Amino acid sequence: GTSDPNTSNLIALAKLYGISAEELLKNVEHSAGTAKPNEGSEKTV
C-alpha cells in the first residue's frame, strides 16, 4: 500500500530538500510506479 504525507509533513519534507511542496509531489507521482513493494524493508539478523 501507499500512504500520503499530511500537509505539515509535506511542507517539512519540502523545506528539508529545498524544493517546493508542489515539486515534491510531482516527483512522488512520477516515481510512484517505479519502486518495488517492500524493497529494502527486509532485515537480516
PDB file of N, CA and C in Angstrom:
ATOM      1  N   GLY A   1       0.822  -1.188   0.000  1.00  0.00           N
ATOM      2  CA  GLY A   1       0.000   0.000   0.000  1.00  0.00           C
ATOM      3  C   GLY A   1       0.861   1.244   0.000  1.00  0.00           C
ATOM      4  N   THR A   2       0.219   2.338  -0.184  1.00  0.00           N
ATOM      5  CA  THR A   2       0.911   3.618  -0.153  1.00  0.00           C
ATOM      6  C   THR A   2       0.281   4.494   0.899  1.00  0.00           C
ATOM      7  N   SER A   3       1.027   5.485   1.329  1.00  0.00           N
ATOM      8  CA  SER A   3       0.476   6.469   2.251  1.00  0.00           C
ATOM      9  C   SER A   3       0.891   7.843   1.767  1.00  0.00           C
ATOM     10  N   ASP A   4       0.042   8.797   2.007  1.00  0.00           N
ATOM     11  CA  ASP A   4       0.322  10.167   1.611  1.00  0.00           C
ATOM     12  C   ASP A   4       0.673  10.977   2.850  1.00  0.00           C
ATOM     13  N   PRO A   5       1.692  11.834   2.764  1.00  0.00           N
ATOM     14  CA  PRO A   5       2.046  12.657   3.923  1.00  0.00           C
ATOM     15  C   PRO A   5       0.979  13.708   4.184  1.00  0.00           C
ATOM     16  N   ASN A   6       0.772  14.037   5.462  1.00  0.00           N
ATOM     17  CA  ASN A   6      -0.158  15.121   5.737  1.00  0.00           C
ATOM     18  C   ASN A   6       0.510  16.440   5.352  1.00  0.00           C
ATOM     19  N   THR A   7      -0.236  17.515   5.367  1.00  0.00           N
ATOM     20  CA  THR A   7       0.257  18.798   4.864  1.00  0.00           C
ATOM     21  C   THR A   7       1.488  19.282   5.616  1.00  0.00           C
ATOM     22  N   SER A   8       1.484  19.197   6.929  1.00  0.00           N
ATOM     23  CA  SER A   8       2.633  19.689   7.690  1.00  0.00           C
ATOM     24  C   SER A   8       3.882  18.861   7.414  1.00  0.00           C
ATOM     25  N   ASN A   9       3.732  17.547   7.257  1.00  0.00           N
ATOM     26  CA  ASN A   9       4.885  16.711   6.914  1.00  0.00           C
ATOM     27  C   ASN A   9       5.378  17.005   5.506  1.00  0.00           C
ATOM     28  N   LEU A  10       4.462  17.244   4.596  1.00  0.00           N
ATOM     29  CA  LEU A  10       4.835  17.564   3.223  1.00  0.00           C
ATOM     30  C   LEU A  10       5.645  18.856   3.175  1.00  0.00           C
ATOM     31  N   ILE A  11       5.195  19.858   3.910  1.00  0.00           N
ATOM     32  CA  ILE A  11       5.907  21.137   3.953  1.00  0.00           C
ATOM     33  C   ILE A  11       7.287  20.953   4.581  1.00  0.00           C
ATOM     34  N   ALA A  12       7.368  20.169   5.647  1.00  0.00           N
ATOM     35  CA  ALA A  12       8.653  19.922   6.298  1.00  0.00           C
ATOM     36  C   ALA A  12       9.620  19.198   5.359  1.00  0.00           C
ATOM     37  N   LEU A  13       9.128  18.207   4.624  1.00  0.00           N
ATOM     38  CA  LEU A  13       9.978  17.499   3.663  1.00  0.00           C
ATOM     39  C   LEU A  13      10.457  18.431   2.553  1.00  0.00           C
ATOM     40  N   ALA A  14       9.571  19.272   2.065  1.00  0.00           N
ATOM     41  CA  ALA A  14       9.941  20.213   1.011  1.00  0.00           C
ATOM     42  C   ALA A  14      11.030  21.163   1.502  1.00  0.00           C
ATOM     43  N   LYS A  15      10.894  21.665   2.724  1.00  0.00           N
ATOM     44  CA  LYS A  15      11.917  22.554   3.291  1.00  0.00           C
ATOM     45  C   LYS A  15      13.232  21.813   3.472  1.00  0.00           C
ATOM     46  N   LEU A  16      13.157  20.570   3.925  1.00  0.00           N
ATOM     47  CA  LEU A  16      14.354  19.767   4.138  1.00  0.00           C
ATOM     48  C   LEU A  16      15.149  19.610   2.848  1.00  0.00           C
ATOM     49  N   TYR A  17      14.440  19.360   1.738  1.00  0.00           N
ATOM     50  CA  TYR A  17      15.099  19.151   0.452  1.00  0.00           C
ATOM     51  C   TYR A  17      15.271  20.423  -0.360  1.00  0.00           C
ATOM     52  N   GLY A  18      14.789  21.558   0.167  1.00  0.00           N
ATOM     53  CA  GLY A  18      14.982  22.834  -0.510  1.00  0.00           C
ATOM     54  C   GLY A  18      14.194  22.977  -1.797  1.00  0.00           C
ATOM     55  N   ILE A  19      13.020  22.342  -1.863  1.00  0.00           N
ATOM     56  CA  ILE A  19      12.162  22.453  -3.039  1.00  0.00           C
ATOM     57  C   ILE A  19      10.748  22.797  -2.591  1.00  0.00           C
ATOM     58  N   SER A  20       9.909  23.162  -3.541  1.00  0.00           N
ATOM     59  CA  SER A  20       8.524  23.476  -3.206  1.00  0.00           C
ATOM     60  C   SER A  20       7.744  22.188  -2.967  1.00  0.00           C
ATOM     61  N   ALA A  21       6.663  22.308  -2.211  1.00  0.00           N
ATOM     62  CA  ALA A  21       5.810  21.148  -1.955  1.00  0.00           C
ATOM     63  C   ALA A  21       5.238  20.610  -3.265  1.00  0.00           C
ATOM     64  N   GLU A  22       4.912  21.506  -4.192  1.00  0.00           N
ATOM     65  CA  GLU A  22       4.376  21.077  -5.485  1.00  0.00           C
ATOM     66  C   GLU A  22       5.397  20.241  -6.251  1.00  0.00           C
ATOM     67  N   GLU A  23       6.654  20.682  -6.222  1.00  0.00           N
ATOM     68  CA  GLU A  23       7.700  19.938  -6.928  1.00  0.00           C
ATOM     69  C   GLU A  23       7.922  18.574  -6.276  1.00  0.00           C
ATOM     70  N   LEU A  24       7.856  18.534  -4.956  1.00  0.00           N
ATOM     71  CA  LEU A  24       7.994  17.267  -4.248  1.00  0.00           C
ATOM     72  C   LEU A  24       6.881  16.302  -4.632  1.00  0.00           C
ATOM     73  N   LEU A  25       5.657  16.796  -4.705  1.00  0.00           N
ATOM     74  CA  LEU A  25       4.530  15.951  -5.095  1.00  0.00           C
ATOM     75  C   LEU A  25       4.669  15.456  -6.524  1.00  0.00           C
ATOM     76  N   LYS A  26       5.138  16.312  -7.424  1.00  0.00           N
ATOM     77  CA  LYS A  26       5.334  15.897  -8.814  1.00  0.00           C
ATOM     78  C   LYS A  26       6.345  14.762  -8.884  1.00  0.00           C
ATOM     79  N   ASN A  27       7.431  14.872  -8.110  1.00  0.00           N
ATOM     80  CA  ASN A  27       8.454  13.827  -8.108  1.00  0.00           C
ATOM     81  C   ASN A  27       7.913  12.526  -7.543  1.00  0.00           C
ATOM     82  N   VAL A  28       7.078  12.594  -6.525  1.00  0.00           N
ATOM     83  CA  VAL A  28       6.489  11.393  -5.930  1.00  0.00           C
ATOM     84  C   VAL A  28       5.549  10.727  -6.922  1.00  0.00           C
ATOM     85  N   GLU A  29       4.700  11.516  -7.579  1.00  0.00           N
ATOM     86  CA  GLU A  29       3.764  10.965  -8.552  1.00  0.00           C
ATOM     87  C   GLU A  29       4.505  10.344  -9.724  1.00  0.00           C
ATOM     88  N   HIS A  30       5.595  10.973 -10.149  1.00  0.00           N
ATOM     89  CA  HIS A  30       6.362  10.489 -11.291  1.00  0.00           C
ATOM     90  C   HIS A  30       7.040   9.156 -10.980  1.00  0.00           C
ATOM     91  N   SER A  31       7.549   9.002  -9.760  1.00  0.00           N
ATOM     92  CA  SER A  31       8.301   7.795  -9.427  1.00  0.00           C
ATOM     93  C   SER A  31       7.467   6.744  -8.703  1.00  0.00           C
ATOM     94  N   ALA A  32       6.194   6.988  -8.505  1.00  0.00           N
ATOM     95  CA  ALA A  32       5.351   6.063  -7.738  1.00  0.00           C
ATOM     96  C   ALA A  32       5.308   4.670  -8.354  1.00  0.00           C
ATOM     97  N   GLY A  33       5.349   4.554  -9.650  1.00  0.00           N
ATOM     98  CA  GLY A  33       5.256   3.252 -10.293  1.00  0.00           C
ATOM     99  C   GLY A  33       6.582   2.549 -10.472  1.00  0.00           C
ATOM    100  N   THR A  34       7.694   3.161 -10.051  1.00  0.00           N
ATOM    101  CA  THR A  34       8.999   2.578 -10.316  1.00  0.00           C
ATOM    102  C   THR A  34       9.568   1.789  -9.149  1.00  0.00           C
ATOM    103  N   ALA A  35       9.069   2.004  -7.944  1.00  0.00           N
ATOM    104  CA  ALA A  35       9.606   1.308  -6.778  1.00  0.00           C
ATOM    105  C   ALA A  35       8.985  -0.076  -6.640  1.00  0.00           C
ATOM    106  N   LYS A  36       9.789  -1.006  -6.178  1.00  0.00           N
ATOM    107  CA  LYS A  36       9.280  -2.354  -5.931  1.00  0.00           C
ATOM    108  C   LYS A  36       8.700  -2.396  -4.516  1.00  0.00           C
ATOM    109  N   PRO A  37       7.581  -3.073  -4.310  1.00  0.00           N
ATOM    110  CA  PRO A  37       6.996  -3.174  -2.969  1.00  0.00           C
ATOM    111  C   PRO A  37       7.964  -3.810  -1.981  1.00  0.00           C
ATOM    112  N   ASN A  38       8.044  -3.252  -0.801  1.00  0.00           N
ATOM    113  CA  ASN A  38       8.870  -3.761   0.295  1.00  0.00           C
ATOM    114  C   ASN A  38      10.357  -3.804  -0.038  1.00  0.00           C
ATOM    115  N   GLU A  39      10.784  -3.051  -1.021  1.00  0.00           N
ATOM    116  CA  GLU A  39      12.195  -3.047  -1.387  1.00  0.00           C
ATOM    117  C   GLU A  39      13.027  -2.478  -0.236  1.00  0.00           C
ATOM    118  N   GLY A  40      14.006  -3.245   0.219  1.00  0.00           N
ATOM    119  CA  GLY A  40      14.888  -2.795   1.275  1.00  0.00           C
ATOM    120  C   GLY A  40      14.292  -2.858   2.665  1.00  0.00           C
ATOM    121  N   SER A  41      13.115  -3.423   2.813  1.00  0.00           N
ATOM    122  CA  SER A  41      12.488  -3.447   4.127  1.00  0.00           C
ATOM    123  C   SER A  41      12.804  -4.709   4.918  1.00  0.00           C
ATOM    124  N   GLU A  42      13.402  -5.694   4.272  1.00  0.00           N
ATOM    125  CA  GLU A  42      13.719  -6.934   4.973  1.00  0.00           C
ATOM    126  C   GLU A  42      15.048  -6.791   5.706  1.00  0.00           C
ATOM    127  N   LYS A  43      15.089  -7.310   6.924  1.00  0.00           N
ATOM    128  CA  LYS A  43      16.308  -7.246   7.724  1.00  0.00           C
ATOM    129  C   LYS A  43      16.887  -8.644   7.865  1.00  0.00           C
ATOM    130  N   THR A  44      18.205  -8.722   7.843  1.00  0.00           N
ATOM    131  CA  THR A  44      18.861  -9.993   8.109  1.00  0.00           C
ATOM    132  C   THR A  44      19.492  -9.899   9.483  1.00  0.00           C
ATOM    133  N   VAL A  45      19.432 -10.980  10.218  1.00  0.00           N
ATOM    134  CA  VAL A  45      19.948 -10.967  11.594  1.00  0.00           C
ATOM    135  C   VAL A  45      21.179 -11.826  11.686  1.00  0.00           C
TER     136      VAL A  45
END
